[in-house]
PDB file of N, CA and C in Angstrom:
ATOM      1  N   THR A   1      36.976  73.029 219.652  1.00  0.00           N
ATOM      2  CA  THR A   1      37.414  72.394 218.353  1.00  0.00           C
ATOM      3  C   THR A   1      37.578  70.866 218.520  1.00  0.00           C
ATOM      4  N   ASP A   2      37.677  70.443 219.728  1.00  0.00           N
ATOM      5  CA  ASP A   2      37.757  69.069 219.987  1.00  0.00           C
ATOM      6  C   ASP A   2      36.439  68.333 219.539  1.00  0.00           C
ATOM      7  N   GLN A   3      35.249  68.903 219.794  1.00  0.00           N
ATOM      8  CA  GLN A   3      34.038  68.159 219.371  1.00  0.00           C
ATOM      9  C   GLN A   3      34.079  68.424 217.742  1.00  0.00           C
ATOM     10  N   LEU A   4      34.527  69.156 217.075  1.00  0.00           N
ATOM     11  CA  LEU A   4      34.527  69.376 215.694  1.00  0.00           C
ATOM     12  C   LEU A   4      35.423  68.102 215.101  1.00  0.00           C
ATOM     13  N   GLY A   5      36.538  68.006 215.783  1.00  0.00           N
ATOM     14  CA  GLY A   5      37.426  67.191 215.241  1.00  0.00           C
ATOM     15  C   GLY A   5      36.798  65.747 215.515  1.00  0.00           C
ATOM     16  N   ARG A   6      36.205  65.337 216.578  1.00  0.00           N
ATOM     17  CA  ARG A   6      35.528  64.340 216.955  1.00  0.00           C
ATOM     18  C   ARG A   6      34.389  63.877 215.874  1.00  0.00           C
ATOM     19  N   LEU A   7      33.745  64.906 215.584  1.00  0.00           N
ATOM     20  CA  LEU A   7      32.507  64.760 214.767  1.00  0.00           C
ATOM     21  C   LEU A   7      33.048  64.357 213.279  1.00  0.00           C
ATOM     22  N   LEU A   8      34.149  64.990 212.872  1.00  0.00           N
ATOM     23  CA  LEU A   8      34.766  64.642 211.514  1.00  0.00           C
ATOM     24  C   LEU A   8      35.293  63.178 211.616  1.00  0.00           C
ATOM     25  N   ALA A   9      35.895  62.981 212.616  1.00  0.00           N
ATOM     26  CA  ALA A   9      36.529  61.540 212.652  1.00  0.00           C
ATOM     27  C   ALA A   9      35.397  60.479 212.869  1.00  0.00           C
ATOM     28  N   GLN A  10      34.307  60.670 213.513  1.00  0.00           N
ATOM     29  CA  GLN A  10      33.232  59.757 213.371  1.00  0.00           C
ATOM     30  C   GLN A  10      32.557  59.589 211.943  1.00  0.00           C
ATOM     31  N   HIS A  11      32.573  60.742 211.260  1.00  0.00           N
ATOM     32  CA  HIS A  11      32.212  60.785 209.928  1.00  0.00           C
ATOM     33  C   HIS A  11      32.868  59.881 209.035  1.00  0.00           C
ATOM     34  N   VAL A  12      34.136  60.023 209.171  1.00  0.00           N
ATOM     35  CA  VAL A  12      35.172  59.223 208.386  1.00  0.00           C
ATOM     36  C   VAL A  12      35.081  57.819 208.627  1.00  0.00           C
ATOM     37  N   VAL A  13      34.862  57.340 210.020  1.00  0.00           N
ATOM     38  CA  VAL A  13      34.668  56.038 210.262  1.00  0.00           C
ATOM     39  C   VAL A  13      33.404  55.442 209.650  1.00  0.00           C
ATOM     40  N   ALA A  14      32.382  56.234 209.784  1.00  0.00           N
ATOM     41  CA  ALA A  14      31.083  55.632 209.425  1.00  0.00           C
ATOM     42  C   ALA A  14      30.809  55.853 207.825  1.00  0.00           C
ATOM     43  N   MET A  15      31.170  56.873 207.209  1.00  0.00           N
ATOM     44  CA  MET A  15      30.924  56.998 205.905  1.00  0.00           C
ATOM     45  C   MET A  15      32.015  56.503 204.862  1.00  0.00           C
ATOM     46  N   ARG A  16      33.246  56.163 205.385  1.00  0.00           N
ATOM     47  CA  ARG A  16      34.225  55.426 204.789  1.00  0.00           C
ATOM     48  C   ARG A  16      34.725  56.076 203.438  1.00  0.00           C
ATOM     49  N   PRO A  17      35.021  57.427 203.352  1.00  0.00           N
ATOM     50  CA  PRO A  17      35.562  57.946 202.202  1.00  0.00           C
ATOM     51  C   PRO A  17      36.883  57.404 201.892  1.00  0.00           C
ATOM     52  N   LYS A  18      37.106  57.434 200.414  1.00  0.00           N
ATOM     53  CA  LYS A  18      38.481  56.950 199.872  1.00  0.00           C
ATOM     54  C   LYS A  18      39.364  57.983 199.709  1.00  0.00           C
ATOM     55  N   THR A  19      38.959  59.255 199.287  1.00  0.00           N
ATOM     56  CA  THR A  19      39.761  60.258 198.974  1.00  0.00           C
ATOM     57  C   THR A  19      39.149  61.509 199.556  1.00  0.00           C
ATOM     58  N   LEU A  20      40.227  62.505 199.719  1.00  0.00           N
ATOM     59  CA  LEU A  20      39.728  63.829 200.206  1.00  0.00           C
ATOM     60  C   LEU A  20      38.716  64.536 199.393  1.00  0.00           C
ATOM     61  N   GLY A  21      39.058  64.581 197.971  1.00  0.00           N
ATOM     62  CA  GLY A  21      38.198  65.092 196.893  1.00  0.00           C
ATOM     63  C   GLY A  21      38.658  66.546 196.542  1.00  0.00           C
ATOM     64  N   LEU A  22      40.048  66.733 196.558  1.00  0.00           N
ATOM     65  CA  LEU A  22      40.616  68.130 196.187  1.00  0.00           C
ATOM     66  C   LEU A  22      40.702  68.234 194.671  1.00  0.00           C
ATOM     67  N   THR A  23      40.163  67.370 193.806  1.00  0.00           N
ATOM     68  CA  THR A  23      40.387  67.484 192.288  1.00  0.00           C
ATOM     69  C   THR A  23      39.366  68.442 191.697  1.00  0.00           C
ATOM     70  N   GLU A  24      39.884  69.184 190.702  1.00  0.00           N
ATOM     71  CA  GLU A  24      39.001  69.965 189.966  1.00  0.00           C
ATOM     72  C   GLU A  24      38.003  69.331 189.132  1.00  0.00           C
ATOM     73  N   LYS A  25      38.328  68.131 188.571  1.00  0.00           N
ATOM     74  CA  LYS A  25      37.460  67.391 187.683  1.00  0.00           C
ATOM     75  C   LYS A  25      36.315  66.754 188.425  1.00  0.00           C
ATOM     76  N   LYS A  26      35.102  66.917 187.883  1.00  0.00           N
ATOM     77  CA  LYS A  26      33.948  66.259 188.437  1.00  0.00           C
ATOM     78  C   LYS A  26      34.172  64.650 188.359  1.00  0.00           C
ATOM     79  N   VAL A  27      33.830  63.942 189.367  1.00  0.00           N
ATOM     80  CA  VAL A  27      33.767  62.627 189.418  1.00  0.00           C
ATOM     81  C   VAL A  27      32.493  62.041 189.722  1.00  0.00           C
ATOM     82  N   SER A  28      32.010  61.059 189.053  1.00  0.00           N
ATOM     83  CA  SER A  28      30.722  60.611 189.072  1.00  0.00           C
ATOM     84  C   SER A  28      30.367  59.975 190.436  1.00  0.00           C
ATOM     85  N   ASN A  29      31.285  59.453 191.262  1.00  0.00           N
ATOM     86  CA  ASN A  29      30.979  59.037 192.464  1.00  0.00           C
ATOM     87  C   ASN A  29      31.523  59.888 193.683  1.00  0.00           C
ATOM     88  N   ASP A  30      30.660  60.954 193.775  1.00  0.00           N
ATOM     89  CA  ASP A  30      31.127  61.891 194.832  1.00  0.00           C
ATOM     90  C   ASP A  30      31.047  61.224 196.287  1.00  0.00           C
ATOM     91  N   GLU A  31      30.363  60.119 196.495  1.00  0.00           N
ATOM     92  CA  GLU A  31      30.158  59.567 197.856  1.00  0.00           C
ATOM     93  C   GLU A  31      31.509  58.940 198.401  1.00  0.00           C
ATOM     94  N   ASP A  32      32.371  58.855 197.449  1.00  0.00           N
ATOM     95  CA  ASP A  32      33.708  58.201 197.973  1.00  0.00           C
ATOM     96  C   ASP A  32      34.630  59.491 198.350  1.00  0.00           C
ATOM     97  N   ARG A  33      34.294  60.782 198.067  1.00  0.00           N
ATOM     98  CA  ARG A  33      35.226  61.854 198.282  1.00  0.00           C
ATOM     99  C   ARG A  33      34.793  62.540 199.506  1.00  0.00           C
ATOM    100  N   LEU A  34      35.477  62.658 200.551  1.00  0.00           N
ATOM    101  CA  LEU A  34      35.050  63.168 201.779  1.00  0.00           C
ATOM    102  C   LEU A  34      34.449  64.615 201.743  1.00  0.00           C
ATOM    103  N   LEU A  35      35.011  65.475 200.930  1.00  0.00           N
ATOM    104  CA  LEU A  35      34.597  66.844 200.994  1.00  0.00           C
ATOM    105  C   LEU A  35      33.090  67.020 200.297  1.00  0.00           C
ATOM    106  N   TYR A  36      32.854  65.948 199.582  1.00  0.00           N
ATOM    107  CA  TYR A  36      31.573  66.179 198.820  1.00  0.00           C
ATOM    108  C   TYR A  36      30.457  65.279 199.490  1.00  0.00           C
ATOM    109  N   GLN A  37      30.750  64.463 200.627  1.00  0.00           N
ATOM    110  CA  GLN A  37      29.927  63.807 201.269  1.00  0.00           C
ATOM    111  C   GLN A  37      28.868  64.657 202.065  1.00  0.00           C
ATOM    112  N   LYS A  38      27.766  64.170 202.351  1.00  0.00           N
ATOM    113  CA  LYS A  38      26.956  64.959 203.400  1.00  0.00           C
ATOM    114  C   LYS A  38      27.221  64.531 204.824  1.00  0.00           C
ATOM    115  N   LEU A  39      27.669  65.591 205.592  1.00  0.00           N
ATOM    116  CA  LEU A  39      28.017  65.215 206.896  1.00  0.00           C
ATOM    117  C   LEU A  39      26.831  64.600 207.655  1.00  0.00           C
ATOM    118  N   MET A  40      27.357  63.600 208.410  1.00  0.00           N
ATOM    119  CA  MET A  40      26.378  62.752 209.252  1.00  0.00           C
ATOM    120  C   MET A  40      25.430  63.654 210.089  1.00  0.00           C
ATOM    121  N   GLY A  41      24.121  63.534 209.985  1.00  0.00           N
ATOM    122  CA  GLY A  41      23.180  64.136 210.774  1.00  0.00           C
ATOM    123  C   GLY A  41      22.944  65.647 210.402  1.00  0.00           C
ATOM    124  N   THR A  42      23.428  65.994 209.053  1.00  0.00           N
ATOM    125  CA  THR A  42      23.019  67.409 208.552  1.00  0.00           C
ATOM    126  C   THR A  42      22.665  67.275 207.037  1.00  0.00           C
ATOM    127  N   ASP A  43      22.335  68.471 206.425  1.00  0.00           N
ATOM    128  CA  ASP A  43      22.211  68.557 205.156  1.00  0.00           C
ATOM    129  C   ASP A  43      23.299  69.256 204.294  1.00  0.00           C
ATOM    130  N   LYS A  44      24.299  69.508 205.046  1.00  0.00           N
ATOM    131  CA  LYS A  44      25.603  70.072 204.663  1.00  0.00           C
ATOM    132  C   LYS A  44      26.509  69.111 204.065  1.00  0.00           C
ATOM    133  N   THR A  45      27.164  69.404 203.046  1.00  0.00           N
ATOM    134  CA  THR A  45      28.496  68.641 202.669  1.00  0.00           C
ATOM    135  C   THR A  45      29.540  68.912 203.790  1.00  0.00           C
ATOM    136  N   VAL A  46      30.663  68.059 203.836  1.00  0.00           N
ATOM    137  CA  VAL A  46      31.667  68.243 204.731  1.00  0.00           C
ATOM    138  C   VAL A  46      32.502  69.524 204.343  1.00  0.00           C
ATOM    139  N   SER A  47      32.561  69.865 203.035  1.00  0.00           N
ATOM    140  CA  SER A  47      33.314  71.097 202.587  1.00  0.00           C
ATOM    141  C   SER A  47      32.545  72.285 203.134  1.00  0.00           C
ATOM    142  N   THR A  48      31.284  72.314 203.011  1.00  0.00           N
ATOM    143  CA  THR A  48      30.394  73.465 203.549  1.00  0.00           C
ATOM    144  C   THR A  48      30.589  73.782 205.064  1.00  0.00           C
ATOM    145  N   PHE A  49      30.485  72.490 205.699  1.00  0.00           N
ATOM    146  CA  PHE A  49      30.825  72.465 207.199  1.00  0.00           C
ATOM    147  C   PHE A  49      32.166  73.038 207.547  1.00  0.00           C
ATOM    148  N   MET A  50      33.239  72.664 206.662  1.00  0.00           N
ATOM    149  CA  MET A  50      34.564  73.061 207.001  1.00  0.00           C
ATOM    150  C   MET A  50      34.599  74.689 206.815  1.00  0.00           C
ATOM    151  N   SER A  51      34.028  75.161 205.741  1.00  0.00           N
ATOM    152  CA  SER A  51      34.066  76.601 205.523  1.00  0.00           C
ATOM    153  C   SER A  51      33.423  77.407 206.688  1.00  0.00           C
ATOM    154  N   GLU A  52      32.372  77.104 206.933  1.00  0.00           N
ATOM    155  CA  GLU A  52      31.455  77.639 207.943  1.00  0.00           C
ATOM    156  C   GLU A  52      32.190  77.821 209.399  1.00  0.00           C
ATOM    157  N   ASN A  53      33.096  76.672 209.616  1.00  0.00           N
ATOM    158  CA  ASN A  53      33.769  76.449 210.910  1.00  0.00           C
ATOM    159  C   ASN A  53      35.222  76.962 210.771  1.00  0.00           C
ATOM    160  N   GLN A  54      35.516  77.634 209.721  1.00  0.00           N
ATOM    161  CA  GLN A  54      36.999  78.113 209.379  1.00  0.00           C
ATOM    162  C   GLN A  54      38.003  76.859 209.594  1.00  0.00           C
ATOM    163  N   LEU A  55      37.778  75.747 209.034  1.00  0.00           N
ATOM    164  CA  LEU A  55      38.534  74.631 209.270  1.00  0.00           C
ATOM    165  C   LEU A  55      39.168  74.175 208.016  1.00  0.00           C
ATOM    166  N   VAL A  56      40.261  73.434 208.039  1.00  0.00           N
ATOM    167  CA  VAL A  56      40.942  72.942 206.736  1.00  0.00           C
ATOM    168  C   VAL A  56      41.328  71.495 207.168  1.00  0.00           C
ATOM    169  N   ILE A  57      41.090  70.598 206.169  1.00  0.00           N
ATOM    170  CA  ILE A  57      41.498  69.181 206.146  1.00  0.00           C
ATOM    171  C   ILE A  57      42.641  69.075 205.219  1.00  0.00           C
ATOM    172  N   ASN A  58      43.749  68.584 205.552  1.00  0.00           N
ATOM    173  CA  ASN A  58      44.788  68.531 204.537  1.00  0.00           C
ATOM    174  C   ASN A  58      44.896  67.034 204.009  1.00  0.00           C
ATOM    175  N   ASP A  59      44.613  66.177 204.873  1.00  0.00           N
ATOM    176  CA  ASP A  59      44.644  64.718 204.516  1.00  0.00           C
ATOM    177  C   ASP A  59      43.879  63.936 205.702  1.00  0.00           C
ATOM    178  N   PHE A  60      43.790  62.848 205.358  1.00  0.00           N
ATOM    179  CA  PHE A  60      43.172  61.834 206.477  1.00  0.00           C
ATOM    180  C   PHE A  60      43.585  60.454 206.104  1.00  0.00           C
ATOM    181  N   VAL A  61      43.518  59.620 207.150  1.00  0.00           N
ATOM    182  CA  VAL A  61      43.818  58.090 206.987  1.00  0.00           C
ATOM    183  C   VAL A  61      42.809  57.439 207.916  1.00  0.00           C
ATOM    184  N   ARG A  62      42.230  56.461 207.301  1.00  0.00           N
ATOM    185  CA  ARG A  62      41.228  55.559 207.899  1.00  0.00           C
ATOM    186  C   ARG A  62      41.612  54.141 207.790  1.00  0.00           C
ATOM    187  N   PHE A  63      41.728  53.597 209.045  1.00  0.00           N
ATOM    188  CA  PHE A  63      42.109  52.124 209.289  1.00  0.00           C
ATOM    189  C   PHE A  63      40.896  51.410 209.525  1.00  0.00           C
ATOM    190  N   GLU A  64      40.835  50.291 209.178  1.00  0.00           N
ATOM    191  CA  GLU A  64      39.774  49.266 209.459  1.00  0.00           C
ATOM    192  C   GLU A  64      40.304  47.915 210.205  1.00  0.00           C
ATOM    193  N   CYS A  65      39.742  47.498 211.126  1.00  0.00           N
ATOM    194  CA  CYS A  65      40.256  46.394 211.837  1.00  0.00           C
ATOM    195  C   CYS A  65      40.577  45.141 210.816  1.00  0.00           C
ATOM    196  N   GLY A  66      41.755  44.561 210.959  1.00  0.00           N
ATOM    197  CA  GLY A  66      42.127  43.510 210.062  1.00  0.00           C
ATOM    198  C   GLY A  66      42.709  43.961 208.791  1.00  0.00           C
ATOM    199  N   GLU A  67      42.702  45.176 208.560  1.00  0.00           N
ATOM    200  CA  GLU A  67      43.287  45.709 207.175  1.00  0.00           C
ATOM    201  C   GLU A  67      44.549  46.163 207.432  1.00  0.00           C
ATOM    202  N   GLU A  68      45.569  45.839 206.330  1.00  0.00           N
ATOM    203  CA  GLU A  68      46.862  46.224 206.302  1.00  0.00           C
ATOM    204  C   GLU A  68      47.151  47.512 205.669  1.00  0.00           C
ATOM    205  N   ARG A  69      47.998  48.245 206.135  1.00  0.00           N
ATOM    206  CA  ARG A  69      48.415  49.569 205.424  1.00  0.00           C
ATOM    207  C   ARG A  69      49.002  49.347 204.120  1.00  0.00           C
ATOM    208  N   GLN A  70      48.581  49.931 203.107  1.00  0.00           N
ATOM    209  CA  GLN A  70      49.038  49.852 201.806  1.00  0.00           C
ATOM    210  C   GLN A  70      50.166  50.894 201.530  1.00  0.00           C
ATOM    211  N   GLN A  71      51.215  50.541 200.757  1.00  0.00           N
ATOM    212  CA  GLN A  71      52.447  51.376 200.778  1.00  0.00           C
ATOM    213  C   GLN A  71      52.092  52.130 199.421  1.00  0.00           C
TER     214      GLN A  71
END
């Protein structure tokens, strides 16, 4: 599971999602929503990958160098 966590962390760093994407309503810009993004190196969405591996993401935080945390 360490490898799965590392893979997801690398995905968050590279793909820069803004939200988790747990809303029921369809948003036109799915590429900003983690669960709807294509997982790097696969044809699967993050959500599909999570289901197949029996994993759950409750939340995530992404920091960028030089960026201040917003309250």
